[in-house]
Amino acid sequence: LKDDQSKGNQYQSWNFYKQNFGIYDEDPEVVTLTRSDFKQFVESNENTIWFINFYSTQCSHCHELAPTWRELAKQLDGVVKIGAVNCMDDWMLCNEQ
């Protein structure tokens, strides 16, 4: 095969798929928000302070900072809510904000 023909369907490792789903989807400390959740929890609740992480699953820095976000959420528990929006899944919300 010519080199230029091998650019089509490429095999991706398990690590690629693991990292391309939401970083915080199963995280008890960080609330994963979508467009409907964002309006319900963040915009309509003026009594709660939110600190939101807008991230991309393809961003290596976002993956590296995830433990820091989790630790921040633990330390600020009861004071500030920590939320995360996966901009790869919900780009419209990220664009609006």
Protein backbone atom coordinates (compact mmCIF):
# COMPACT_ATOMS: atom_id res chain seq x y z
CA LEU A 1 0.00 0.00 0.00
CA LYS A 2 1.06 3.52 -0.60
CA ASP A 3 1.66 5.66 2.48
CA ASP A 4 -1.14 8.08 1.62
CA GLN A 5 -3.72 5.25 1.49
CA SER A 6 -3.13 4.18 5.09
CA LYS A 7 -4.56 7.40 6.53
CA GLY A 8 -8.18 6.17 6.50
CA ASN A 9 -9.39 3.97 9.31
CA GLN A 10 -6.69 3.81 11.92
CA TYR A 11 -6.57 1.59 14.95
CA GLN A 12 -6.82 3.45 18.24
CA SER A 13 -5.52 2.01 21.50
CA TRP A 14 -7.71 1.29 24.52
CA ASN A 15 -6.09 4.27 26.21
CA PHE A 16 -7.41 6.55 23.44
CA TYR A 17 -10.99 5.41 24.02
CA LYS A 18 -10.60 5.52 27.78
CA GLN A 19 -9.44 9.13 27.63
CA ASN A 20 -12.04 10.28 25.13
CA PHE A 21 -14.96 9.81 27.45
CA GLY A 22 -15.68 12.31 30.20
CA ILE A 23 -12.80 12.66 32.64
CA TYR A 24 -15.15 13.23 35.57
CA ASP A 25 -18.12 11.05 34.55
CA GLU A 26 -17.81 8.68 37.51
CA ASP A 27 -16.21 11.12 39.92
CA PRO A 28 -18.00 11.64 43.27
CA GLU A 29 -16.23 14.95 43.99
CA VAL A 30 -16.85 16.75 40.68
CA VAL A 31 -20.35 17.18 39.26
CA THR A 32 -20.50 16.41 35.53
CA LEU A 33 -22.77 18.97 33.90
CA THR A 34 -24.56 19.03 30.56
CA ARG A 35 -26.45 21.86 28.95
CA SER A 36 -29.71 20.97 30.73
CA ASP A 37 -27.95 20.33 34.07
CA PHE A 38 -26.02 23.59 33.79
CA LYS A 39 -29.17 25.66 33.51
CA GLN A 40 -30.93 23.70 36.25
CA PHE A 41 -28.12 23.64 38.81
CA VAL A 42 -25.85 26.58 38.04
CA GLU A 43 -27.90 29.33 36.43
CA SER A 44 -31.11 28.90 38.39
CA ASN A 45 -29.56 28.42 41.84
CA GLU A 46 -28.23 31.77 43.02
CA ASN A 47 -27.52 30.50 46.55
CA THR A 48 -24.80 28.09 45.42
CA ILE A 49 -21.35 29.12 44.21
CA TRP A 50 -20.02 27.00 41.35
CA PHE A 51 -16.50 26.69 39.99
CA ILE A 52 -16.75 25.09 36.55
CA ASN A 53 -14.02 23.31 34.62
CA PHE A 54 -14.69 23.43 30.87
CA TYR A 55 -12.41 20.76 29.41
CA SER A 56 -11.68 18.70 26.34
CA THR A 57 -11.07 14.97 26.50
CA GLN A 58 -8.37 15.43 23.85
CA CYS A 59 -6.43 17.90 25.99
CA SER A 60 -3.49 16.29 27.79
CA HIS A 61 -3.32 19.16 30.29
CA CYS A 62 -6.96 18.55 31.20
CA HIS A 63 -6.14 14.92 32.02
CA GLU A 64 -3.07 15.97 34.01
CA LEU A 65 -5.06 18.52 36.02
CA ALA A 66 -7.94 16.16 36.85
CA PRO A 67 -6.43 15.01 40.19
CA THR A 68 -5.98 18.67 41.18
CA TRP A 69 -9.64 19.40 40.41
CA ARG A 70 -10.69 16.40 42.50
CA GLU A 71 -8.55 17.56 45.42
CA LEU A 72 -9.94 21.09 45.11
CA ALA A 73 -13.47 19.68 45.18
CA LYS A 74 -12.67 17.75 48.38
CA GLN A 75 -11.14 20.79 50.07
CA LEU A 76 -14.01 23.11 49.11
CA ASP A 77 -16.79 20.62 49.91
CA GLY A 78 -19.69 22.49 51.48
CA VAL A 79 -18.34 25.89 50.40
CA VAL A 80 -18.19 25.78 46.60
CA LYS A 81 -19.55 23.21 44.14
CA ILE A 82 -17.05 22.00 41.56
CA GLY A 83 -18.53 21.14 38.18
CA ALA A 84 -17.10 19.96 34.88
CA VAL A 85 -18.36 20.25 31.33
CA ASN A 86 -16.98 17.97 28.62
CA CYS A 87 -16.67 20.35 25.67
CA MET A 88 -16.23 17.46 23.24
CA ASP A 89 -19.73 16.25 24.16
CA ASP A 90 -21.37 19.61 24.82
CA TRP A 91 -19.54 22.13 22.65
CA MET A 92 -22.59 24.39 22.42
CA LEU A 93 -22.64 24.96 26.18
CA CYS A 94 -18.89 25.61 26.21
CA ASN A 95 -19.27 28.05 23.35
CA GLU A 96 -22.09 29.89 25.14
CA GLN A 97 -20.16 30.19 28.37
